[in-house]
C-alpha atoms as a PDB file:
ATOM      1  CA  MET A   1       0.000   0.000   0.000  1.00  0.00           C
ATOM      2  CA  GLY A   2       1.371   3.418  -0.908  1.00  0.00           C
ATOM      3  CA  ASP A   3       2.123   6.120   1.620  1.00  0.00           C
ATOM      4  CA  TYR A   4      -0.247   8.965   0.833  1.00  0.00           C
ATOM      5  CA  SER A   5       0.497  10.993   3.975  1.00  0.00           C
ATOM      6  CA  ASN A   6       1.524  14.575   3.320  1.00  0.00           C
ATOM      7  CA  VAL A   7       0.681  14.002  -0.337  1.00  0.00           C
ATOM      8  CA  PRO A   8       0.017  17.553  -1.581  1.00  0.00           C
ATOM      9  CA  ALA A   9       3.243  19.078  -0.218  1.00  0.00           C
ATOM     10  CA  LYS A  10       5.404  16.113  -1.239  1.00  0.00           C
ATOM     11  CA  LEU A  11       3.912  15.885  -4.713  1.00  0.00           C
ATOM     12  CA  GLU A  12       4.249  19.606  -5.292  1.00  0.00           C
ATOM     13  CA  GLN A  13       7.964  19.282  -4.563  1.00  0.00           C
ATOM     14  CA  PHE A  14       8.238  16.588  -7.243  1.00  0.00           C
ATOM     15  CA  ALA A  15       6.173  18.682  -9.659  1.00  0.00           C
ATOM     16  CA  ARG A  16       8.307  21.791  -9.109  1.00  0.00           C
ATOM     17  CA  SER A  17      11.449  19.742  -9.640  1.00  0.00           C
ATOM     18  CA  ALA A  18      10.032  18.183 -12.828  1.00  0.00           C
ATOM     19  CA  ALA A  19       8.930  21.590 -14.143  1.00  0.00           C
ATOM     20  CA  HIS A  20      12.520  22.773 -13.756  1.00  0.00           C
ATOM     21  CA  GLU A  21      13.776  19.706 -15.636  1.00  0.00           C
ATOM     22  CA  PHE A  22      11.322  20.449 -18.451  1.00  0.00           C
ATOM     23  CA  GLY A  23      12.625  24.020 -18.603  1.00  0.00           C
ATOM     24  CA  LEU A  24       9.454  25.668 -17.364  1.00  0.00           C
ATOM     25  CA  GLY A  25      11.037  27.767 -14.619  1.00  0.00           C
ATOM     26  CA  SER A  26       9.531  28.725 -11.291  1.00  0.00           C
ATOM     27  CA  GLU A  27       6.580  30.822 -12.497  1.00  0.00           C
ATOM     28  CA  VAL A  28       4.373  27.884 -13.452  1.00  0.00           C
ATOM     29  CA  ALA A  29       1.039  27.377 -11.723  1.00  0.00           C
ATOM     30  CA  LEU A  30       0.381  23.808 -10.614  1.00  0.00           C
ATOM     31  CA  LYS A  31      -3.060  22.275 -10.116  1.00  0.00           C
ATOM     32  CA  LEU A  32      -3.238  18.735  -8.734  1.00  0.00           C
ATOM     33  CA  LEU A  33      -5.875  16.930 -10.802  1.00  0.00           C
ATOM     34  CA  ASN A  34      -5.693  13.394  -9.503  1.00  0.00           C
ATOM     35  CA  VAL A  35      -3.831  11.066  -7.162  1.00  0.00           C
ATOM     36  CA  SER A  36      -4.583   7.418  -7.775  1.00  0.00           C
ATOM     37  CA  GLU A  37      -1.470   5.489  -8.640  1.00  0.00           C
ATOM     38  CA  ASN A  38       0.425   8.337 -10.241  1.00  0.00           C
ATOM     39  CA  ALA A  39      -0.175  12.014  -9.554  1.00  0.00           C
ATOM     40  CA  THR A  40      -1.413  14.213 -12.392  1.00  0.00           C
ATOM     41  CA  PHE A  41      -0.944  17.980 -12.473  1.00  0.00           C
ATOM     42  CA  GLN A  42      -2.193  20.678 -14.798  1.00  0.00           C
ATOM     43  CA  VAL A  43       0.748  22.969 -15.455  1.00  0.00           C
ATOM     44  CA  THR A  44       0.183  26.545 -16.655  1.00  0.00           C
ATOM     45  CA  ASN A  45       3.181  28.601 -17.769  1.00  0.00           C
ATOM     46  CA  GLY A  46       3.586  32.367 -17.651  1.00  0.00           C
ATOM     47  CA  SER A  47       1.926  32.715 -21.079  1.00  0.00           C
ATOM     48  CA  GLY A  48      -1.171  30.830 -19.933  1.00  0.00           C
ATOM     49  CA  GLU A  49      -0.342  27.696 -21.931  1.00  0.00           C
ATOM     50  CA  ARG A  50      -1.419  24.488 -20.247  1.00  0.00           C
ATOM     51  CA  SER A  51       0.126  21.025 -20.227  1.00  0.00           C
ATOM     52  CA  ILE A  52      -0.314  17.861 -18.168  1.00  0.00           C
ATOM     53  CA  MET A  53       2.413  16.460 -15.952  1.00  0.00           C
ATOM     54  CA  ARG A  54       2.430  12.884 -14.662  1.00  0.00           C
ATOM     55  CA  ILE A  55       4.510  12.111 -11.576  1.00  0.00           C
ATOM     56  CA  HIS A  56       5.000   8.363 -11.482  1.00  0.00           C
ATOM     57  CA  ARG A  57       4.525   6.302  -8.366  1.00  0.00           C
ATOM     58  CA  PRO A  58       7.696   4.640  -7.092  1.00  0.00           C
ATOM     59  CA  ASN A  59       8.578   0.982  -7.648  1.00  0.00           C
ATOM     60  CA  TYR A  60       6.059   0.280 -10.422  1.00  0.00           C
ATOM     61  CA  HIS A  61       7.550   1.068 -13.829  1.00  0.00           C
ATOM     62  CA  THR A  62      11.199   1.341 -14.751  1.00  0.00           C
ATOM     63  CA  PRO A  63      12.278   4.271 -16.962  1.00  0.00           C
ATOM     64  CA  GLN A  64      12.654   1.714 -19.782  1.00  0.00           C
ATOM     65  CA  ALA A  65       9.050   0.593 -19.313  1.00  0.00           C
ATOM     66  CA  ILE A  66       7.833   4.207 -19.371  1.00  0.00           C
ATOM     67  CA  GLU A  67       9.826   4.840 -22.545  1.00  0.00           C
ATOM     68  CA  SER A  68       8.169   1.741 -24.038  1.00  0.00           C
ATOM     69  CA  GLU A  69       4.730   3.177 -23.275  1.00  0.00           C
ATOM     70  CA  LEU A  70       5.720   6.457 -24.912  1.00  0.00           C
ATOM     71  CA  ASP A  71       7.043   4.612 -27.974  1.00  0.00           C
ATOM     72  CA  TRP A  72       3.617   3.049 -28.525  1.00  0.00           C
ATOM     73  CA  VAL A  73       1.794   6.349 -27.961  1.00  0.00           C
ATOM     74  CA  THR A  74       4.125   8.044 -30.447  1.00  0.00           C
ATOM     75  CA  SER A  75       3.484   5.367 -33.063  1.00  0.00           C
ATOM     76  CA  LEU A  76      -0.280   5.628 -32.570  1.00  0.00           C
ATOM     77  CA  ARG A  77      -0.108   9.387 -33.051  1.00  0.00           C
ATOM     78  CA  GLU A  78       2.089   9.082 -36.130  1.00  0.00           C
ATOM     79  CA  ASP A  79      -0.370   6.645 -37.694  1.00  0.00           C
ATOM     80  CA  LYS A  80      -3.294   8.907 -36.682  1.00  0.00           C
ATOM     81  CA  LEU A  81      -5.228   5.938 -35.310  1.00  0.00           C
ATOM     82  CA  VAL A  82      -6.588   7.517 -32.135  1.00  0.00           C
ATOM     83  CA  LEU A  83      -6.701  10.912 -30.518  1.00  0.00           C
ATOM     84  CA  THR A  84      -4.189  10.882 -27.683  1.00  0.00           C
ATOM     85  CA  PRO A  85      -2.008  13.667 -26.253  1.00  0.00           C
ATOM     86  CA  ALA A  86       1.416  14.450 -27.663  1.00  0.00           C
ATOM     87  CA  ILE A  87       4.447  13.817 -25.456  1.00  0.00           C
ATOM     88  CA  LEU A  88       6.281  17.037 -24.639  1.00  0.00           C
ATOM     89  CA  PRO A  89      10.023  16.447 -24.204  1.00  0.00           C
ATOM     90  CA  ALA A  90      12.531  18.511 -22.267  1.00  0.00           C
ATOM     91  CA  ALA A  91      14.816  20.839 -24.223  1.00  0.00           C
ATOM     92  CA  ASP A  92      17.506  18.156 -24.387  1.00  0.00           C
ATOM     93  CA  GLY A  93      15.045  15.626 -25.825  1.00  0.00           C
ATOM     94  CA  ARG A  94      14.386  13.578 -22.685  1.00  0.00           C
ATOM     95  CA  ARG A  95      10.824  12.295 -22.500  1.00  0.00           C
ATOM     96  CA  VAL A  96      11.226  10.917 -18.968  1.00  0.00           C
ATOM     97  CA  VAL A  97      12.859  13.220 -16.417  1.00  0.00           C
ATOM     98  CA  THR A  98      13.831  12.601 -12.804  1.00  0.00           C
ATOM     99  CA  ALA A  99      12.052  14.715 -10.198  1.00  0.00           C
ATOM    100  CA  VAL A 100      13.445  14.979  -6.674  1.00  0.00           C
ATOM    101  CA  ASP A 101      11.731  16.097  -3.478  1.00  0.00           C
ATOM    102  CA  GLU A 102      13.351  17.827  -0.508  1.00  0.00           C
ATOM    103  CA  SER A 103      14.231  14.489   1.118  1.00  0.00           C
ATOM    104  CA  GLY A 104      16.130  13.367  -1.968  1.00  0.00           C
ATOM    105  CA  GLU A 105      13.557  10.799  -3.080  1.00  0.00           C
ATOM    106  CA  ALA A 106      13.416  10.533  -6.864  1.00  0.00           C
ATOM    107  CA  ARG A 107      10.468   9.814  -9.143  1.00  0.00           C
ATOM    108  CA  ASN A 108       9.999   9.703 -12.882  1.00  0.00           C
ATOM    109  CA  ALA A 109       7.931  12.386 -14.606  1.00  0.00           C
ATOM    110  CA  VAL A 110       6.466  12.829 -18.093  1.00  0.00           C
ATOM    111  CA  MET A 111       4.802  15.839 -19.722  1.00  0.00           C
ATOM    112  CA  PHE A 112       1.841  15.659 -22.120  1.00  0.00           C
ATOM    113  CA  GLU A 113      -0.092  18.036 -24.315  1.00  0.00           C
ATOM    114  CA  PHE A 114      -3.255  19.466 -22.739  1.00  0.00           C
ATOM    115  CA  MET A 115      -6.395  18.150 -24.446  1.00  0.00           C
ATOM    116  CA  LYS A 116      -9.891  19.554 -24.210  1.00  0.00           C
ATOM    117  CA  GLY A 117     -12.787  17.410 -23.057  1.00  0.00           C
ATOM    118  CA  VAL A 118     -14.671  15.936 -20.138  1.00  0.00           C
ATOM    119  CA  GLU A 119     -15.342  12.410 -18.925  1.00  0.00           C
ATOM    120  CA  PRO A 120     -18.287  10.816 -20.806  1.00  0.00           C
ATOM    121  CA  THR A 121     -21.632  11.697 -19.230  1.00  0.00           C
ATOM    122  CA  GLU A 122     -24.284   9.091 -18.465  1.00  0.00           C
ATOM    123  CA  ASP A 123     -26.660  10.297 -21.178  1.00  0.00           C
ATOM    124  CA  ARG A 124     -23.961   9.584 -23.797  1.00  0.00           C
ATOM    125  CA  LEU A 125     -22.626   6.292 -22.468  1.00  0.00           C
ATOM    126  CA  VAL A 126     -24.204   3.999 -25.046  1.00  0.00           C
ATOM    127  CA  ASP A 127     -23.288   6.198 -28.023  1.00  0.00           C
ATOM    128  CA  ASP A 128     -19.774   6.821 -26.730  1.00  0.00           C
ATOM    129  CA  PHE A 129     -19.206   3.090 -26.299  1.00  0.00           C
ATOM    130  CA  LYS A 130     -19.782   2.590 -30.016  1.00  0.00           C
ATOM    131  CA  THR A 131     -17.019   5.124 -30.673  1.00  0.00           C
ATOM    132  CA  LEU A 132     -14.886   3.465 -28.007  1.00  0.00           C
ATOM    133  CA  GLY A 133     -15.361   0.041 -29.578  1.00  0.00           C
ATOM    134  CA  ALA A 134     -14.149   1.335 -32.932  1.00  0.00           C
ATOM    135  CA  MET A 135     -11.167   3.057 -31.318  1.00  0.00           C
ATOM    136  CA  THR A 136     -10.282  -0.101 -29.396  1.00  0.00           C
ATOM    137  CA  ALA A 137     -10.359  -2.145 -32.586  1.00  0.00           C
ATOM    138  CA  SER A 138      -7.974   0.344 -34.206  1.00  0.00           C
ATOM    139  CA  LEU A 139      -5.604   0.013 -31.255  1.00  0.00           C
ATOM    140  CA  HIS A 140      -5.726  -3.769 -31.504  1.00  0.00           C
ATOM    141  CA  GLN A 141      -5.065  -3.756 -35.229  1.00  0.00           C
ATOM    142  CA  HIS A 142      -2.076  -1.513 -34.681  1.00  0.00           C
ATOM    143  CA  ALA A 143      -0.748  -3.629 -31.813  1.00  0.00           C
ATOM    144  CA  ARG A 144      -0.899  -6.795 -33.927  1.00  0.00           C
ATOM    145  CA  GLN A 145       1.273  -5.392 -36.702  1.00  0.00           C
ATOM    146  CA  TRP A 146       3.510  -2.915 -34.862  1.00  0.00           C
ATOM    147  CA  GLN A 147       7.179  -3.827 -34.686  1.00  0.00           C
ATOM    148  CA  ARG A 148       8.060  -3.087 -31.068  1.00  0.00           C
ATOM    149  CA  PRO A 149      11.410  -1.311 -30.567  1.00  0.00           C
ATOM    150  CA  ALA A 150      14.361  -3.215 -29.152  1.00  0.00           C
ATOM    151  CA  GLY A 151      14.176  -3.346 -25.372  1.00  0.00           C
ATOM    152  CA  PHE A 152      10.409  -2.855 -25.303  1.00  0.00           C
ATOM    153  CA  SER A 153       9.250  -3.696 -21.779  1.00  0.00           C
ATOM    154  CA  ARG A 154       5.720  -3.669 -20.366  1.00  0.00           C
ATOM    155  CA  MET A 155       3.787  -5.639 -17.757  1.00  0.00           C
ATOM    156  CA  THR A 156       1.824  -8.768 -18.617  1.00  0.00           C
ATOM    157  CA  TRP A 157      -1.814  -8.956 -17.517  1.00  0.00           C
ATOM    158  CA  ASN A 158      -2.584 -12.667 -17.452  1.00  0.00           C
ATOM    159  CA  TYR A 159      -4.452 -14.780 -14.920  1.00  0.00           C
ATOM    160  CA  GLU A 160      -1.505 -15.238 -12.558  1.00  0.00           C
ATOM    161  CA  THR A 161      -0.166 -11.675 -12.678  1.00  0.00           C
ATOM    162  CA  ALA A 162      -3.639 -10.193 -12.218  1.00  0.00           C
ATOM    163  CA  LEU A 163      -5.465 -12.615  -9.924  1.00  0.00           C
ATOM    164  CA  GLY A 164      -2.652 -14.644  -8.368  1.00  0.00           C
ATOM    165  CA  PRO A 165      -1.636 -14.061  -4.742  1.00  0.00           C
ATOM    166  CA  ASN A 166       1.229 -11.811  -5.867  1.00  0.00           C
ATOM    167  CA  GLY A 167      -0.685  -9.912  -8.535  1.00  0.00           C
ATOM    168  CA  HIS A 168       0.375  -6.486  -9.804  1.00  0.00           C
ATOM    169  CA  TRP A 169      -2.289  -4.782  -7.658  1.00  0.00           C
ATOM    170  CA  GLY A 170      -2.108  -7.145  -4.700  1.00  0.00           C
ATOM    171  CA  SER A 171      -4.376 -10.106  -3.961  1.00  0.00           C
ATOM    172  CA  TRP A 172      -8.162  -9.953  -4.227  1.00  0.00           C
ATOM    173  CA  ARG A 173      -8.162 -12.166  -1.118  1.00  0.00           C
ATOM    174  CA  ASP A 174      -7.078  -9.072   0.825  1.00  0.00           C
ATOM    175  CA  GLY A 175     -10.015  -7.021  -0.414  1.00  0.00           C
ATOM    176  CA  LEU A 176     -12.200  -4.993   1.917  1.00  0.00           C
ATOM    177  CA  ALA A 177     -14.830  -6.717   4.086  1.00  0.00           C
ATOM    178  CA  MET A 178     -13.559 -10.132   3.017  1.00  0.00           C
ATOM    179  CA  GLY A 179     -15.195 -12.763   5.246  1.00  0.00           C
ATOM    180  CA  PRO A 180     -15.594 -16.540   4.732  1.00  0.00           C
ATOM    181  CA  SER A 181     -18.663 -16.131   2.502  1.00  0.00           C
ATOM    182  CA  GLU A 182     -16.984 -13.529   0.289  1.00  0.00           C
ATOM    183  CA  LEU A 183     -13.834 -15.626   0.016  1.00  0.00           C
ATOM    184  CA  GLU A 184     -15.877 -18.649  -1.031  1.00  0.00           C
ATOM    185  CA  ILE A 185     -17.914 -16.842  -3.689  1.00  0.00           C
ATOM    186  CA  LEU A 186     -14.983 -14.936  -5.154  1.00  0.00           C
ATOM    187  CA  GLY A 187     -12.818 -18.049  -4.951  1.00  0.00           C
ATOM    188  CA  ARG A 188     -15.311 -19.877  -7.157  1.00  0.00           C
ATOM    189  CA  LEU A 189     -15.298 -16.907  -9.494  1.00  0.00           C
ATOM    190  CA  SER A 190     -11.496 -16.930  -9.671  1.00  0.00           C
ATOM    191  CA  ASP A 191     -11.409 -20.668 -10.407  1.00  0.00           C
ATOM    192  CA  THR A 192     -14.043 -20.367 -13.124  1.00  0.00           C
ATOM    193  CA  LEU A 193     -12.264 -17.407 -14.723  1.00  0.00           C
ATOM    194  CA  GLY A 194      -9.022 -19.388 -14.754  1.00  0.00           C
ATOM    195  CA  LYS A 195     -10.628 -22.353 -16.493  1.00  0.00           C
ATOM    196  CA  ARG A 196     -12.467 -20.260 -19.066  1.00  0.00           C
ATOM    197  CA  LEU A 197      -9.434 -18.119 -19.883  1.00  0.00           C
ATOM    198  CA  ALA A 198      -7.251 -21.209 -20.282  1.00  0.00           C
ATOM    199  CA  ALA A 199      -9.799 -22.651 -22.695  1.00  0.00           C
ATOM    200  CA  PHE A 200     -10.084 -19.325 -24.532  1.00  0.00           C
ATOM    201  CA  GLY A 201      -6.339 -19.317 -25.106  1.00  0.00           C
ATOM    202  CA  SER A 202      -3.656 -16.686 -25.436  1.00  0.00           C
ATOM    203  CA  GLY A 203      -2.484 -16.981 -29.019  1.00  0.00           C
ATOM    204  CA  PRO A 204      -1.343 -13.849 -30.893  1.00  0.00           C
ATOM    205  CA  ASP A 205      -4.827 -13.349 -32.333  1.00  0.00           C
ATOM    206  CA  ARG A 206      -6.258 -13.000 -28.817  1.00  0.00           C
ATOM    207  CA  PHE A 207      -3.406 -11.807 -26.608  1.00  0.00           C
ATOM    208  CA  GLY A 208      -1.149  -8.854 -27.315  1.00  0.00           C
ATOM    209  CA  LEU A 209      -0.437  -5.211 -26.501  1.00  0.00           C
ATOM    210  CA  VAL A 210      -3.493  -3.510 -24.960  1.00  0.00           C
ATOM    211  CA  HIS A 211      -4.281  -0.202 -23.265  1.00  0.00           C
ATOM    212  CA  ALA A 212      -5.562  -2.141 -20.216  1.00  0.00           C
ATOM    213  CA  ASP A 213      -7.277   0.815 -18.534  1.00  0.00           C
ATOM    214  CA  MET A 214      -9.760   2.324 -21.009  1.00  0.00           C
ATOM    215  CA  ARG A 215     -12.192   3.321 -18.276  1.00  0.00           C
ATOM    216  CA  LEU A 216     -14.342   6.438 -18.429  1.00  0.00           C
ATOM    217  CA  ALA A 217     -11.871   8.483 -16.370  1.00  0.00           C
ATOM    218  CA  ASN A 218      -9.301   7.940 -19.146  1.00  0.00           C
ATOM    219  CA  LEU A 219     -11.537   9.260 -21.906  1.00  0.00           C
ATOM    220  CA  LEU A 220     -12.095  12.908 -22.800  1.00  0.00           C
ATOM    221  CA  VAL A 221     -15.169  13.816 -24.842  1.00  0.00           C
ATOM    222  CA  ASP A 222     -15.176  17.111 -26.739  1.00  0.00           C
ATOM    223  CA  GLY A 223     -18.087  17.280 -29.155  1.00  0.00           C
ATOM    224  CA  SER A 224     -17.688  14.323 -31.505  1.00  0.00           C
ATOM    225  CA  ASP A 225     -14.044  13.784 -30.512  1.00  0.00           C
ATOM    226  CA  VAL A 226     -13.066  11.150 -27.950  1.00  0.00           C
ATOM    227  CA  THR A 227      -9.476  11.305 -26.706  1.00  0.00           C
ATOM    228  CA  VAL A 228      -7.788   8.352 -25.004  1.00  0.00           C
ATOM    229  CA  ILE A 229      -5.383   9.276 -22.227  1.00  0.00           C
ATOM    230  CA  ASP A 230      -3.196   7.473 -19.688  1.00  0.00           C
ATOM    231  CA  PHE A 231      -1.470   4.469 -21.275  1.00  0.00           C
ATOM    232  CA  ASP A 232       0.359   3.905 -17.967  1.00  0.00           C
ATOM    233  CA  ASP A 233      -1.048   0.382 -17.510  1.00  0.00           C
ATOM    234  CA  CYS A 234      -0.637  -0.690 -21.136  1.00  0.00           C
ATOM    235  CA  GLY A 235       0.916  -4.100 -21.456  1.00  0.00           C
ATOM    236  CA  LEU A 236       0.456  -7.601 -22.794  1.00  0.00           C
ATOM    237  CA  GLY A 237      -2.984  -9.021 -22.177  1.00  0.00           C
ATOM    238  CA  TRP A 238      -6.108 -10.367 -23.833  1.00  0.00           C
ATOM    239  CA  PHE A 239      -7.459  -7.927 -26.388  1.00  0.00           C
ATOM    240  CA  MET A 240     -10.956  -8.333 -24.981  1.00  0.00           C
ATOM    241  CA  TYR A 241      -9.660  -7.251 -21.573  1.00  0.00           C
ATOM    242  CA  ASP A 242      -9.903  -3.700 -22.915  1.00  0.00           C
ATOM    243  CA  LEU A 243     -13.704  -4.025 -22.802  1.00  0.00           C
ATOM    244  CA  GLY A 244     -13.504  -5.244 -19.205  1.00  0.00           C
ATOM    245  CA  SER A 245     -11.410  -2.251 -18.203  1.00  0.00           C
ATOM    246  CA  SER A 246     -13.808   0.120 -19.977  1.00  0.00           C
ATOM    247  CA  VAL A 247     -16.590  -0.637 -17.494  1.00  0.00           C
ATOM    248  CA  SER A 248     -14.359  -0.419 -14.410  1.00  0.00           C
ATOM    249  CA  PHE A 249     -16.239   0.388 -11.197  1.00  0.00           C
ATOM    250  CA  ILE A 250     -19.629   0.499 -12.987  1.00  0.00           C
ATOM    251  CA  GLU A 251     -20.061  -3.200 -13.797  1.00  0.00           C
ATOM    252  CA  ASP A 252     -23.474  -3.168 -12.066  1.00  0.00           C
ATOM    253  CA  HIS A 253     -24.773  -0.175 -14.056  1.00  0.00           C
ATOM    254  CA  PRO A 254     -28.155  -0.960 -15.657  1.00  0.00           C
ATOM    255  CA  LEU A 255     -26.900   0.275 -19.040  1.00  0.00           C
ATOM    256  CA  ILE A 256     -24.000  -2.221 -19.192  1.00  0.00           C
ATOM    257  CA  PRO A 257     -25.730  -4.662 -21.599  1.00  0.00           C
ATOM    258  CA  ALA A 258     -26.534  -1.814 -24.003  1.00  0.00           C
ATOM    259  CA  MET A 259     -23.025  -0.374 -23.614  1.00  0.00           C
ATOM    260  CA  VAL A 260     -21.421  -3.729 -24.397  1.00  0.00           C
ATOM    261  CA  ASP A 261     -23.659  -4.233 -27.442  1.00  0.00           C
ATOM    262  CA  SER A 262     -22.748  -0.742 -28.634  1.00  0.00           C
ATOM    263  CA  TRP A 263     -19.031  -1.424 -28.094  1.00  0.00           C
ATOM    264  CA  VAL A 264     -19.265  -4.651 -30.106  1.00  0.00           C
ATOM    265  CA  THR A 265     -21.087  -2.845 -32.918  1.00  0.00           C
ATOM    266  CA  GLY A 266     -18.408  -0.157 -33.002  1.00  0.00           C
ATOM    267  CA  TYR A 267     -15.588  -2.690 -32.869  1.00  0.00           C
ATOM    268  CA  ARG A 268     -16.976  -4.562 -35.869  1.00  0.00           C
ATOM    269  CA  THR A 269     -16.992  -1.383 -37.977  1.00  0.00           C
ATOM    270  CA  VAL A 270     -13.183  -1.600 -37.877  1.00  0.00           C
ATOM    271  CA  ALA A 271     -12.161  -5.220 -37.237  1.00  0.00           C
ATOM    272  CA  ASP A 272     -13.529  -8.733 -36.927  1.00  0.00           C
ATOM    273  CA  LEU A 273     -14.813  -9.912 -33.563  1.00  0.00           C
ATOM    274  CA  SER A 274     -15.543 -13.626 -33.382  1.00  0.00           C
ATOM    275  CA  THR A 275     -18.634 -15.083 -31.745  1.00  0.00           C
ATOM    276  CA  GLU A 276     -16.357 -16.849 -29.277  1.00  0.00           C
ATOM    277  CA  GLU A 277     -14.768 -13.535 -28.285  1.00  0.00           C
ATOM    278  CA  GLU A 278     -18.171 -11.893 -27.941  1.00  0.00           C
ATOM    279  CA  ASN A 279     -19.436 -14.764 -25.793  1.00  0.00           C
ATOM    280  CA  GLU A 280     -16.500 -14.327 -23.406  1.00  0.00           C
ATOM    281  CA  LEU A 281     -16.902 -10.583 -22.809  1.00  0.00           C
ATOM    282  CA  SER A 282     -18.646 -11.213 -19.486  1.00  0.00           C
ATOM    283  CA  THR A 283     -15.592 -13.217 -18.433  1.00  0.00           C
ATOM    284  CA  PHE A 284     -13.324 -10.256 -19.091  1.00  0.00           C
ATOM    285  CA  ILE A 285     -15.663  -7.904 -17.245  1.00  0.00           C
ATOM    286  CA  MET A 286     -15.511 -10.168 -14.188  1.00  0.00           C
ATOM    287  CA  PHE A 287     -11.750 -10.692 -14.607  1.00  0.00           C
ATOM    288  CA  ARG A 288     -11.306  -6.933 -14.349  1.00  0.00           C
ATOM    289  CA  ARG A 289     -13.802  -6.646 -11.488  1.00  0.00           C
ATOM    290  CA  LEU A 290     -11.930  -9.198  -9.390  1.00  0.00           C
ATOM    291  CA  LEU A 291      -8.674  -7.407 -10.175  1.00  0.00           C
ATOM    292  CA  LEU A 292     -10.295  -4.196  -8.924  1.00  0.00           C
ATOM    293  CA  VAL A 293     -11.244  -5.939  -5.670  1.00  0.00           C
ATOM    294  CA  ALA A 294      -7.494  -6.390  -5.196  1.00  0.00           C
ATOM    295  CA  TRP A 295      -6.813  -2.771  -6.164  1.00  0.00           C
ATOM    296  CA  VAL A 296      -9.388  -1.338  -3.753  1.00  0.00           C
ATOM    297  CA  GLY A 297      -8.025  -3.523  -0.960  1.00  0.00           C
ATOM    298  CA  SER A 298      -4.448  -2.361  -1.537  1.00  0.00           C
ATOM    299  CA  HIS A 299      -5.370   1.299  -2.091  1.00  0.00           C
ATOM    300  CA  GLN A 300      -7.685   2.010   0.821  1.00  0.00           C
ATOM    301  CA  ASP A 301      -6.011   5.359   1.423  1.00  0.00           C
ATOM    302  CA  THR A 302      -6.659   6.745  -2.066  1.00  0.00           C
ATOM    303  CA  GLU A 303      -9.732   8.815  -2.880  1.00  0.00           C
ATOM    304  CA  THR A 304     -11.113   6.117  -5.196  1.00  0.00           C
ATOM    305  CA  GLY A 305     -10.401   3.356  -2.690  1.00  0.00           C
ATOM    306  CA  GLN A 306     -12.239   5.233   0.055  1.00  0.00           C
ATOM    307  CA  GLU A 307     -15.127   6.001  -2.276  1.00  0.00           C
ATOM    308  CA  MET A 308     -15.567   2.319  -3.176  1.00  0.00           C
ATOM    309  CA  GLY A 309     -15.339   1.047   0.424  1.00  0.00           C
ATOM    310  CA  ASP A 310     -16.716  -2.226   1.770  1.00  0.00           C
ATOM    311  CA  ASN A 311     -19.702  -2.102  -0.575  1.00  0.00           C
ATOM    312  CA  PHE A 312     -17.408  -2.774  -3.533  1.00  0.00           C
ATOM    313  CA  THR A 313     -16.792  -6.325  -2.313  1.00  0.00           C
ATOM    314  CA  LYS A 314     -20.493  -6.842  -1.575  1.00  0.00           C
ATOM    315  CA  VAL A 315     -21.530  -5.822  -5.098  1.00  0.00           C
ATOM    316  CA  SER A 316     -18.658  -7.860  -6.550  1.00  0.00           C
ATOM    317  CA  CYS A 317     -20.056 -10.965  -4.854  1.00  0.00           C
ATOM    318  CA  GLU A 318     -23.513 -10.244  -6.282  1.00  0.00           C
ATOM    319  CA  LEU A 319     -22.034  -9.870  -9.765  1.00  0.00           C
ATOM    320  CA  ALA A 320     -20.020 -13.062  -9.255  1.00  0.00           C
ATOM    321  CA  GLU A 321     -23.122 -15.070  -8.305  1.00  0.00           C
ATOM    322  CA  LYS A 322     -24.918 -13.839 -11.413  1.00  0.00           C
ATOM    323  CA  TYR A 323     -21.930 -14.672 -13.638  1.00  0.00           C
ATOM    324  CA  LEU A 324     -21.408 -18.105 -12.079  1.00  0.00           C
ATOM    325  CA  SER A 325     -25.061 -19.012 -12.566  1.00  0.00           C
ATOM    326  CA  GLU A 326     -24.506 -18.658 -16.303  1.00  0.00           C
ATOM    327  CA  PHE A 327     -20.886 -19.631 -16.906  1.00  0.00           C
ATOM    328  CA  ALA A 328     -19.717 -21.975 -14.148  1.00  0.00           C
END
C-alpha cells in the first residue's frame, strides 16, 4: 500500500522539480488533478499555456518501461489511429525526467499536451461506447502489426499476474470486508475465470499489446471527438480485456448490456470480432472486477479506494453469483 500521507506538499515538490527539468522555470502554476497510482498535475506557464504532468509512483515502472509506453503512444499518433495527447520532451530531448523532493527521493515524470474534453456523461454512455469500440479495434489492429522497438518492456496482464496471490495490484483475497462467505464466492469466481481463460487461449490473435485501462476516467469527450489518455497500464494481455477495463467500477450499471452491445457494434466497424470472443466478454468484465477488488483492498487510502469502500466487495459478490449461474 502506498504512503499517501503529506501528499500535496510532497507531490508539489516533485512537480516543481520536474517543471525545472522540463525548462518551465519557477513561475508555473500547478493544479493537482488526480492522485490514484500516479499524480497528475495541470501545469500553466507564464503565457497561460497548459500542459499535463504525470509524476510516477515509485517501484512500479522502470524508466525503460515508461519509454516503451511512450514509444507506442508516439506510433499511434504518427499513424493517426486515435486521438491521444502528444508527449512534450525537455529541451535536451528527454521524455522521462527525474524529479526529486526535498528528502532526496526521486520519481519519474512525463509531460503531455493538454487536451480539451470531459469524462463521458451518463446520457452519452451507449453512443460513446460505439465510438470506443471502434477506437479499441484500431488500437488492436495496430498492436498486432507494430514492430516493437528493441528493449520494449511492459507488464503482462494474465491470470496469474492479475489474480494470483502476488498480482500487480495485490491479492483480491485481501479485499475490503472479506469474510468466509466472500472468500468462497470470489474463490469460485477466480477458479471459473481461470478455467475459461485457459480454454479461450492466449495466441497472438487473442493476446497482445493492450491499453488495459480504457475506463471512463481515461476518456475525454469534446463534441464528436473522444481522446484516449493514460497508457500507464498498457501491457500484454487479452485484447478483450480492454472491454472489461472500460466498465471499471460500474459493472453493475443498468446500461451495461446496451453499452457492451454498442461497443461490439463499433468494434466490428473496424475489425472482426468472433462469436467466441463476444461470448466471453462477461468473463473479461468479471476478470477486471476481481482485479479491482485487489486494487481497492491495496489502495484504501486513495480517494477512489475510500469512495468504493466495503460495498465494492459486496456488489462484486452479487455480480459473481450472477456470472457463475450462467458460466460456471
